[in-house]
PDB file of all heavy atoms in Angstrom:
ATOM      1  N   LYS A   1       4.983   5.549   8.842  1.00  0.00           N
ATOM      2  CA  LYS A   1       5.682   5.852  10.125  1.00  0.00           C
ATOM      3  C   LYS A   1       5.551   4.714  11.157  1.00  0.00           C
ATOM      4  O   LYS A   1       6.345   4.602  12.042  1.00  0.00           O
ATOM      5  CB  LYS A   1       5.136   7.151  10.757  1.00  0.00           C
ATOM      6  CG  LYS A   1       5.511   8.372  10.013  1.00  0.00           C
ATOM      7  CD  LYS A   1       5.097   9.651  10.740  1.00  0.00           C
ATOM      8  CE  LYS A   1       3.616   9.907  10.601  1.00  0.00           C
ATOM      9  NZ  LYS A   1       3.233  11.226  11.157  1.00  0.00           N
ATOM     10  N   SER A   2       4.518   3.865  10.927  1.00  0.00           N
ATOM     11  CA  SER A   2       4.272   2.839  11.898  1.00  0.00           C
ATOM     12  C   SER A   2       5.331   1.743  11.854  1.00  0.00           C
ATOM     13  O   SER A   2       5.775   1.295  10.836  1.00  0.00           O
ATOM     14  CB  SER A   2       2.890   2.208  11.610  1.00  0.00           C
ATOM     15  OG  SER A   2       2.658   1.126  12.475  1.00  0.00           O
ATOM     16  N   GLU A   3       5.771   1.323  13.064  1.00  0.00           N
ATOM     17  CA  GLU A   3       6.792   0.272  13.135  1.00  0.00           C
ATOM     18  C   GLU A   3       6.173  -1.067  12.667  1.00  0.00           C
ATOM     19  O   GLU A   3       6.908  -1.873  12.090  1.00  0.00           O
ATOM     20  CB  GLU A   3       7.244   0.108  14.620  1.00  0.00           C
ATOM     21  CG  GLU A   3       8.168   1.242  15.051  1.00  0.00           C
ATOM     22  CD  GLU A   3       9.495   1.294  14.267  1.00  0.00           C
ATOM     23  OE1 GLU A   3      10.047   0.250  13.966  1.00  0.00           O
ATOM     24  OE2 GLU A   3       9.908   2.400  13.933  1.00  0.00           O
ATOM     25  N   ASP A   4       4.918  -1.246  12.908  1.00  0.00           N
ATOM     26  CA  ASP A   4       4.297  -2.505  12.485  1.00  0.00           C
ATOM     27  C   ASP A   4       2.808  -2.254  12.285  1.00  0.00           C
ATOM     28  O   ASP A   4       2.177  -1.510  13.040  1.00  0.00           O
ATOM     29  CB  ASP A   4       4.487  -3.565  13.591  1.00  0.00           C
ATOM     30  CG  ASP A   4       3.996  -4.962  13.083  1.00  0.00           C
ATOM     31  OD1 ASP A   4       4.135  -5.227  11.920  1.00  0.00           O
ATOM     32  OD2 ASP A   4       3.460  -5.672  13.949  1.00  0.00           O
ATOM     33  N   SER A   5       2.236  -2.795  11.179  1.00  0.00           N
ATOM     34  CA  SER A   5       0.813  -2.599  10.906  1.00  0.00           C
ATOM     35  C   SER A   5       0.324  -3.706  10.025  1.00  0.00           C
ATOM     36  O   SER A   5       1.049  -4.144   9.086  1.00  0.00           O
ATOM     37  CB  SER A   5       0.610  -1.236  10.219  1.00  0.00           C
ATOM     38  OG  SER A   5      -0.721  -1.127   9.775  1.00  0.00           O
ATOM     39  N   ASN A   6      -0.892  -4.208  10.311  1.00  0.00           N
ATOM     40  CA  ASN A   6      -1.450  -5.233   9.413  1.00  0.00           C
ATOM     41  C   ASN A   6      -2.267  -4.587   8.303  1.00  0.00           C
ATOM     42  O   ASN A   6      -2.940  -5.269   7.547  1.00  0.00           O
ATOM     43  CB  ASN A   6      -2.325  -6.199  10.228  1.00  0.00           C
ATOM     44  CG  ASN A   6      -3.543  -5.551  10.846  1.00  0.00           C
ATOM     45  OD1 ASN A   6      -3.585  -4.287  10.898  1.00  0.00           O
ATOM     46  ND2 ASN A   6      -4.481  -6.328  11.284  1.00  0.00           N
ATOM     47  N   HIS A   7      -2.151  -3.237   8.177  1.00  0.00           N
ATOM     48  CA  HIS A   7      -2.909  -2.525   7.178  1.00  0.00           C
ATOM     49  C   HIS A   7      -2.016  -2.126   5.967  1.00  0.00           C
ATOM     50  O   HIS A   7      -2.484  -1.448   5.026  1.00  0.00           O
ATOM     51  CB  HIS A   7      -3.590  -1.263   7.731  1.00  0.00           C
ATOM     52  CG  HIS A   7      -4.464  -1.547   8.888  1.00  0.00           C
ATOM     53  ND1 HIS A   7      -5.491  -2.473   8.801  1.00  0.00           N
ATOM     54  CD2 HIS A   7      -4.461  -1.132  10.179  1.00  0.00           C
ATOM     55  CE1 HIS A   7      -6.089  -2.559   9.958  1.00  0.00           C
ATOM     56  NE2 HIS A   7      -5.512  -1.731  10.817  1.00  0.00           N
ATOM     57  N   ARG A   8      -0.790  -2.518   5.981  1.00  0.00           N
ATOM     58  CA  ARG A   8       0.111  -2.259   4.888  1.00  0.00           C
ATOM     59  C   ARG A   8       1.263  -3.276   4.903  1.00  0.00           C
ATOM     60  O   ARG A   8       1.545  -3.906   5.945  1.00  0.00           O
ATOM     61  CB  ARG A   8       0.673  -0.855   4.912  1.00  0.00           C
ATOM     62  CG  ARG A   8       1.413  -0.481   6.212  1.00  0.00           C
ATOM     63  CD  ARG A   8       2.930  -0.685   6.088  1.00  0.00           C
ATOM     64  NE  ARG A   8       3.646  -0.180   7.251  1.00  0.00           N
ATOM     65  CZ  ARG A   8       4.382  -0.946   8.067  1.00  0.00           C
ATOM     66  NH1 ARG A   8       4.380  -2.230   7.902  1.00  0.00           N
ATOM     67  NH2 ARG A   8       5.025  -0.389   9.065  1.00  0.00           N
ATOM     68  N   LEU A   9       1.958  -3.441   3.770  1.00  0.00           N
ATOM     69  CA  LEU A   9       3.172  -4.173   3.713  1.00  0.00           C
ATOM     70  C   LEU A   9       4.315  -3.188   3.353  1.00  0.00           C
ATOM     71  O   LEU A   9       4.116  -2.356   2.456  1.00  0.00           O
ATOM     72  CB  LEU A   9       3.106  -5.303   2.657  1.00  0.00           C
ATOM     73  CG  LEU A   9       2.034  -6.355   2.883  1.00  0.00           C
ATOM     74  CD1 LEU A   9       1.907  -7.287   1.715  1.00  0.00           C
ATOM     75  CD2 LEU A   9       2.317  -7.111   4.173  1.00  0.00           C
ATOM     76  N   LEU A  10       5.431  -3.274   4.032  1.00  0.00           N
ATOM     77  CA  LEU A  10       6.522  -2.311   3.832  1.00  0.00           C
ATOM     78  C   LEU A  10       7.854  -3.068   3.702  1.00  0.00           C
ATOM     79  O   LEU A  10       8.220  -3.822   4.629  1.00  0.00           O
ATOM     80  CB  LEU A  10       6.553  -1.341   4.986  1.00  0.00           C
ATOM     81  CG  LEU A  10       7.650  -0.271   4.922  1.00  0.00           C
ATOM     82  CD1 LEU A  10       7.525   0.617   3.688  1.00  0.00           C
ATOM     83  CD2 LEU A  10       7.606   0.589   6.199  1.00  0.00           C
ATOM     84  N   TYR A  11       8.530  -2.835   2.603  1.00  0.00           N
ATOM     85  CA  TYR A  11       9.798  -3.460   2.312  1.00  0.00           C
ATOM     86  C   TYR A  11      10.894  -2.406   2.132  1.00  0.00           C
ATOM     87  O   TYR A  11      10.670  -1.456   1.380  1.00  0.00           O
ATOM     88  CB  TYR A  11       9.668  -4.381   1.109  1.00  0.00           C
ATOM     89  CG  TYR A  11       8.528  -5.370   1.216  1.00  0.00           C
ATOM     90  CD1 TYR A  11       7.296  -5.039   0.731  1.00  0.00           C
ATOM     91  CD2 TYR A  11       8.686  -6.530   1.930  1.00  0.00           C
ATOM     92  CE1 TYR A  11       6.221  -5.928   0.848  1.00  0.00           C
ATOM     93  CE2 TYR A  11       7.617  -7.430   2.078  1.00  0.00           C
ATOM     94  CZ  TYR A  11       6.371  -7.122   1.557  1.00  0.00           C
ATOM     95  OH  TYR A  11       5.331  -7.957   1.727  1.00  0.00           O
ATOM     96  N   LYS A  12      12.021  -2.575   2.836  1.00  0.00           N
ATOM     97  CA  LYS A  12      13.044  -1.535   2.891  1.00  0.00           C
ATOM     98  C   LYS A  12      14.387  -2.017   2.436  1.00  0.00           C
ATOM     99  O   LYS A  12      14.768  -3.170   2.746  1.00  0.00           O
ATOM    100  CB  LYS A  12      13.143  -0.999   4.320  1.00  0.00           C
ATOM    101  CG  LYS A  12      11.818  -0.345   4.810  1.00  0.00           C
ATOM    102  CD  LYS A  12      12.014   0.172   6.238  1.00  0.00           C
ATOM    103  CE  LYS A  12      11.940  -1.000   7.265  1.00  0.00           C
ATOM    104  NZ  LYS A  12      11.906  -0.504   8.655  1.00  0.00           N
ATOM    105  N   THR A  13      15.097  -1.165   1.725  1.00  0.00           N
ATOM    106  CA  THR A  13      16.489  -1.427   1.458  1.00  0.00           C
ATOM    107  C   THR A  13      17.272  -1.306   2.743  1.00  0.00           C
ATOM    108  O   THR A  13      16.759  -0.744   3.750  1.00  0.00           O
ATOM    109  CB  THR A  13      17.073  -0.435   0.455  1.00  0.00           C
ATOM    110  OG1 THR A  13      17.071   0.880   1.030  1.00  0.00           O
ATOM    111  CG2 THR A  13      16.267  -0.399  -0.841  1.00  0.00           C
ATOM    112  N   ILE A  14      18.503  -1.758   2.734  1.00  0.00           N
ATOM    113  CA  ILE A  14      19.333  -1.457   3.911  1.00  0.00           C
ATOM    114  C   ILE A  14      19.688   0.004   3.871  1.00  0.00           C
ATOM    115  O   ILE A  14      19.467   0.729   2.833  1.00  0.00           O
ATOM    116  CB  ILE A  14      20.632  -2.305   3.890  1.00  0.00           C
ATOM    117  CG1 ILE A  14      21.573  -1.907   2.724  1.00  0.00           C
ATOM    118  CG2 ILE A  14      20.332  -3.799   3.822  1.00  0.00           C
ATOM    119  CD1 ILE A  14      22.970  -2.469   2.846  1.00  0.00           C
ATOM    120  N   THR A  15      20.205   0.597   4.937  1.00  0.00           N
ATOM    121  CA  THR A  15      20.546   1.997   4.989  1.00  0.00           C
ATOM    122  C   THR A  15      21.602   2.333   3.919  1.00  0.00           C
ATOM    123  O   THR A  15      22.605   1.649   3.827  1.00  0.00           O
ATOM    124  CB  THR A  15      21.058   2.348   6.379  1.00  0.00           C
ATOM    125  OG1 THR A  15      20.051   2.014   7.352  1.00  0.00           O
ATOM    126  CG2 THR A  15      21.360   3.832   6.447  1.00  0.00           C
ATOM    127  N   LEU A  16      21.293   3.340   3.154  1.00  0.00           N
ATOM    128  CA  LEU A  16      22.193   3.766   2.072  1.00  0.00           C
ATOM    129  C   LEU A  16      23.551   4.245   2.649  1.00  0.00           C
ATOM    130  O   LEU A  16      23.536   5.101   3.532  1.00  0.00           O
ATOM    131  CB  LEU A  16      21.562   4.800   1.165  1.00  0.00           C
ATOM    132  CG  LEU A  16      20.255   4.423   0.481  1.00  0.00           C
ATOM    133  CD1 LEU A  16      19.794   5.582  -0.393  1.00  0.00           C
ATOM    134  CD2 LEU A  16      20.425   3.174  -0.371  1.00  0.00           C
ATOM    135  N   LYS A  17      24.627   3.765   2.069  1.00  0.00           N
ATOM    136  CA  LYS A  17      25.963   4.258   2.444  1.00  0.00           C
ATOM    137  C   LYS A  17      26.363   5.459   1.584  1.00  0.00           C
ATOM    138  O   LYS A  17      27.328   6.165   1.960  1.00  0.00           O
ATOM    139  CB  LYS A  17      26.954   3.127   2.352  1.00  0.00           C
ATOM    140  CG  LYS A  17      26.669   1.976   3.305  1.00  0.00           C
ATOM    141  CD  LYS A  17      27.679   0.862   3.132  1.00  0.00           C
ATOM    142  CE  LYS A  17      27.501  -0.233   4.170  1.00  0.00           C
ATOM    143  NZ  LYS A  17      26.185  -0.901   4.088  1.00  0.00           N
ATOM    144  N   GLU A  18      25.752   5.619   0.449  1.00  0.00           N
ATOM    145  CA  GLU A  18      25.999   6.733  -0.456  1.00  0.00           C
ATOM    146  C   GLU A  18      24.689   7.260  -0.968  1.00  0.00           C
ATOM    147  O   GLU A  18      23.678   6.582  -0.973  1.00  0.00           O
ATOM    148  CB  GLU A  18      26.923   6.341  -1.632  1.00  0.00           C
ATOM    149  CG  GLU A  18      28.303   5.850  -1.229  1.00  0.00           C
ATOM    150  CD  GLU A  18      29.151   5.596  -2.479  1.00  0.00           C
ATOM    151  OE1 GLU A  18      28.658   5.809  -3.624  1.00  0.00           O
ATOM    152  OE2 GLU A  18      30.314   5.168  -2.290  1.00  0.00           O
ATOM    153  N   ASP A  19      24.715   8.500  -1.466  1.00  0.00           N
ATOM    154  CA  ASP A  19      23.532   9.067  -2.125  1.00  0.00           C
ATOM    155  C   ASP A  19      23.161   8.225  -3.322  1.00  0.00           C
ATOM    156  O   ASP A  19      24.014   7.652  -3.999  1.00  0.00           O
ATOM    157  CB  ASP A  19      23.769  10.494  -2.571  1.00  0.00           C
ATOM    158  CG  ASP A  19      24.000  11.463  -1.430  1.00  0.00           C
ATOM    159  OD1 ASP A  19      23.823  11.050  -0.278  1.00  0.00           O
ATOM    160  OD2 ASP A  19      24.343  12.619  -1.699  1.00  0.00           O
ATOM    161  N   LEU A  20      21.828   8.144  -3.567  1.00  0.00           N
ATOM    162  CA  LEU A  20      21.331   7.374  -4.705  1.00  0.00           C
ATOM    163  C   LEU A  20      20.360   8.264  -5.503  1.00  0.00           C
ATOM    164  O   LEU A  20      19.425   8.833  -4.977  1.00  0.00           O
ATOM    165  CB  LEU A  20      20.601   6.095  -4.234  1.00  0.00           C
ATOM    166  CG  LEU A  20      20.383   5.025  -5.294  1.00  0.00           C
ATOM    167  CD1 LEU A  20      21.699   4.436  -5.766  1.00  0.00           C
ATOM    168  CD2 LEU A  20      19.488   3.919  -4.679  1.00  0.00           C
ATOM    169  N   HIS A  21      20.669   8.377  -6.822  1.00  0.00           N
ATOM    170  CA  HIS A  21      19.878   9.304  -7.669  1.00  0.00           C
ATOM    171  C   HIS A  21      18.851   8.517  -8.465  1.00  0.00           C
ATOM    172  O   HIS A  21      19.242   7.667  -9.333  1.00  0.00           O
ATOM    173  CB  HIS A  21      20.906  10.045  -8.569  1.00  0.00           C
ATOM    174  CG  HIS A  21      20.259  11.110  -9.400  1.00  0.00           C
ATOM    175  ND1 HIS A  21      21.006  11.950 -10.224  1.00  0.00           N
ATOM    176  CD2 HIS A  21      18.987  11.517  -9.493  1.00  0.00           C
ATOM    177  CE1 HIS A  21      20.185  12.801 -10.806  1.00  0.00           C
ATOM    178  NE2 HIS A  21      18.964  12.585 -10.429  1.00  0.00           N
ATOM    179  N   ILE A  22      17.578   8.800  -8.227  1.00  0.00           N
ATOM    180  CA  ILE A  22      16.486   8.205  -8.998  1.00  0.00           C
ATOM    181  C   ILE A  22      16.046   9.195 -10.044  1.00  0.00           C
ATOM    182  O   ILE A  22      15.788  10.371  -9.743  1.00  0.00           O
ATOM    183  CB  ILE A  22      15.321   7.794  -8.094  1.00  0.00           C
ATOM    184  CG1 ILE A  22      15.769   6.726  -7.090  1.00  0.00           C
ATOM    185  CG2 ILE A  22      14.102   7.347  -8.866  1.00  0.00           C
ATOM    186  CD1 ILE A  22      14.766   6.448  -5.972  1.00  0.00           C
ATOM    187  N   SER A  23      15.883   8.763 -11.318  1.00  0.00           N
ATOM    188  CA  SER A  23      15.463   9.686 -12.372  1.00  0.00           C
ATOM    189  C   SER A  23      14.653   8.919 -13.410  1.00  0.00           C
ATOM    190  O   SER A  23      15.162   8.101 -14.162  1.00  0.00           O
ATOM    191  CB  SER A  23      16.702  10.328 -13.020  1.00  0.00           C
ATOM    192  OG  SER A  23      16.328  11.190 -14.078  1.00  0.00           O
ATOM    193  N   GLY A  24      13.346   9.227 -13.432  1.00  0.00           N
ATOM    194  CA  GLY A  24      12.482   8.605 -14.419  1.00  0.00           C
ATOM    195  C   GLY A  24      11.204   8.072 -13.791  1.00  0.00           C
ATOM    196  O   GLY A  24      10.737   8.612 -12.801  1.00  0.00           O
ATOM    197  N   VAL A  25      10.684   7.013 -14.409  1.00  0.00           N
ATOM    198  CA  VAL A  25       9.393   6.494 -14.001  1.00  0.00           C
ATOM    199  C   VAL A  25       9.580   5.127 -13.352  1.00  0.00           C
ATOM    200  O   VAL A  25       9.980   4.159 -14.011  1.00  0.00           O
ATOM    201  CB  VAL A  25       8.424   6.381 -15.198  1.00  0.00           C
ATOM    202  CG1 VAL A  25       7.091   5.778 -14.782  1.00  0.00           C
ATOM    203  CG2 VAL A  25       8.227   7.716 -15.904  1.00  0.00           C
ATOM    204  N   ALA A  26       9.293   5.041 -12.075  1.00  0.00           N
ATOM    205  CA  ALA A  26       9.332   3.744 -11.336  1.00  0.00           C
ATOM    206  C   ALA A  26       8.090   2.953 -11.718  1.00  0.00           C
ATOM    207  O   ALA A  26       7.009   3.501 -12.006  1.00  0.00           O
ATOM    208  CB  ALA A  26       9.407   3.968  -9.840  1.00  0.00           C
ATOM    209  N   LYS A  27       8.254   1.614 -11.681  1.00  0.00           N
ATOM    210  CA  LYS A  27       7.115   0.768 -12.055  1.00  0.00           C
ATOM    211  C   LYS A  27       6.890  -0.318 -10.962  1.00  0.00           C
ATOM    212  O   LYS A  27       7.905  -0.834 -10.419  1.00  0.00           O
ATOM    213  CB  LYS A  27       7.423   0.038 -13.380  1.00  0.00           C
ATOM    214  CG  LYS A  27       7.615   1.052 -14.557  1.00  0.00           C
ATOM    215  CD  LYS A  27       8.042   0.287 -15.811  1.00  0.00           C
ATOM    216  CE  LYS A  27       8.201   1.267 -16.992  1.00  0.00           C
ATOM    217  NZ  LYS A  27       9.277   2.273 -16.767  1.00  0.00           N
ATOM    218  N   ALA A  28       5.635  -0.596 -10.708  1.00  0.00           N
ATOM    219  CA  ALA A  28       5.284  -1.623  -9.765  1.00  0.00           C
ATOM    220  C   ALA A  28       4.671  -2.806 -10.491  1.00  0.00           C
ATOM    221  O   ALA A  28       3.885  -2.656 -11.431  1.00  0.00           O
ATOM    222  CB  ALA A  28       4.279  -1.080  -8.736  1.00  0.00           C
ATOM    223  N   ARG A  29       5.056  -3.997 -10.069  1.00  0.00           N
ATOM    224  CA  ARG A  29       4.442  -5.248 -10.523  1.00  0.00           C
ATOM    225  C   ARG A  29       4.007  -6.022  -9.289  1.00  0.00           C
ATOM    226  O   ARG A  29       4.879  -6.486  -8.529  1.00  0.00           O
ATOM    227  CB  ARG A  29       5.458  -6.034 -11.338  1.00  0.00           C
ATOM    228  CG  ARG A  29       4.918  -7.382 -11.904  1.00  0.00           C
ATOM    229  CD  ARG A  29       5.956  -8.081 -12.729  1.00  0.00           C
ATOM    230  NE  ARG A  29       5.452  -9.254 -13.414  1.00  0.00           N
ATOM    231  CZ  ARG A  29       5.505 -10.494 -12.929  1.00  0.00           C
ATOM    232  NH1 ARG A  29       6.133 -10.689 -11.773  1.00  0.00           N
ATOM    233  NH2 ARG A  29       5.037 -11.485 -13.592  1.00  0.00           N
ATOM    234  N   ILE A  30       2.710  -6.112  -9.094  1.00  0.00           N
ATOM    235  CA  ILE A  30       2.167  -6.673  -7.871  1.00  0.00           C
ATOM    236  C   ILE A  30       1.231  -7.850  -8.228  1.00  0.00           C
ATOM    237  O   ILE A  30       0.263  -7.640  -8.977  1.00  0.00           O
ATOM    238  CB  ILE A  30       1.447  -5.637  -7.018  1.00  0.00           C
ATOM    239  CG1 ILE A  30       2.440  -4.532  -6.595  1.00  0.00           C
ATOM    240  CG2 ILE A  30       0.817  -6.272  -5.776  1.00  0.00           C
ATOM    241  CD1 ILE A  30       1.816  -3.366  -5.918  1.00  0.00           C
ATOM    242  N   THR A  31       1.485  -9.024  -7.664  1.00  0.00           N
ATOM    243  CA  THR A  31       0.609 -10.151  -7.879  1.00  0.00           C
ATOM    244  C   THR A  31      -0.167 -10.361  -6.579  1.00  0.00           C
ATOM    245  O   THR A  31       0.411 -10.562  -5.509  1.00  0.00           O
ATOM    246  CB  THR A  31       1.426 -11.429  -8.261  1.00  0.00           C
ATOM    247  OG1 THR A  31       2.135 -11.175  -9.470  1.00  0.00           O
ATOM    248  CG2 THR A  31       0.490 -12.593  -8.416  1.00  0.00           C
ATOM    249  N   LEU A  32      -1.464 -10.275  -6.684  1.00  0.00           N
ATOM    250  CA  LEU A  32      -2.324 -10.263  -5.497  1.00  0.00           C
ATOM    251  C   LEU A  32      -3.600 -11.045  -5.673  1.00  0.00           C
ATOM    252  O   LEU A  32      -4.032 -11.342  -6.776  1.00  0.00           O
ATOM    253  CB  LEU A  32      -2.664  -8.814  -5.125  1.00  0.00           C
ATOM    254  CG  LEU A  32      -3.421  -7.954  -6.140  1.00  0.00           C
ATOM    255  CD1 LEU A  32      -4.887  -8.230  -6.188  1.00  0.00           C
ATOM    256  CD2 LEU A  32      -3.198  -6.471  -5.888  1.00  0.00           C
ATOM    257  N   ALA A  33      -4.181 -11.381  -4.505  1.00  0.00           N
ATOM    258  CA  ALA A  33      -5.547 -11.937  -4.455  1.00  0.00           C
ATOM    259  C   ALA A  33      -6.323 -11.093  -3.474  1.00  0.00           C
ATOM    260  O   ALA A  33      -5.788 -10.566  -2.505  1.00  0.00           O
ATOM    261  CB  ALA A  33      -5.518 -13.420  -4.040  1.00  0.00           C
ATOM    262  N   SER A  34      -7.645 -10.979  -3.710  1.00  0.00           N
ATOM    263  CA  SER A  34      -8.501 -10.210  -2.856  1.00  0.00           C
ATOM    264  C   SER A  34      -9.624 -11.120  -2.352  1.00  0.00           C
ATOM    265  O   SER A  34     -10.089 -12.037  -3.071  1.00  0.00           O
ATOM    266  CB  SER A  34      -9.117  -9.035  -3.607  1.00  0.00           C
ATOM    267  OG  SER A  34     -10.147  -8.412  -2.882  1.00  0.00           O
ATOM    268  N   ASN A  35     -10.103 -10.858  -1.120  1.00  0.00           N
ATOM    269  CA  ASN A  35     -11.205 -11.626  -0.620  1.00  0.00           C
ATOM    270  C   ASN A  35     -12.550 -11.040  -1.032  1.00  0.00           C
ATOM    271  O   ASN A  35     -13.595 -11.530  -0.622  1.00  0.00           O
ATOM    272  CB  ASN A  35     -11.137 -11.775   0.903  1.00  0.00           C
ATOM    273  CG  ASN A  35     -11.360 -10.422   1.619  1.00  0.00           C
ATOM    274  OD1 ASN A  35     -11.233  -9.368   1.013  1.00  0.00           O
ATOM    275  ND2 ASN A  35     -11.674 -10.489   2.914  1.00  0.00           N
TER     276      ASN A  35
END
């Protein structure tokens, strides 16, 4: 809900002009470094 936070990264699509149907297993691929 936060407009801005340094405790997360948030990436958004543009506002949908039509309904979008998701069905199945979404997958994340994240390349990261930790301190």
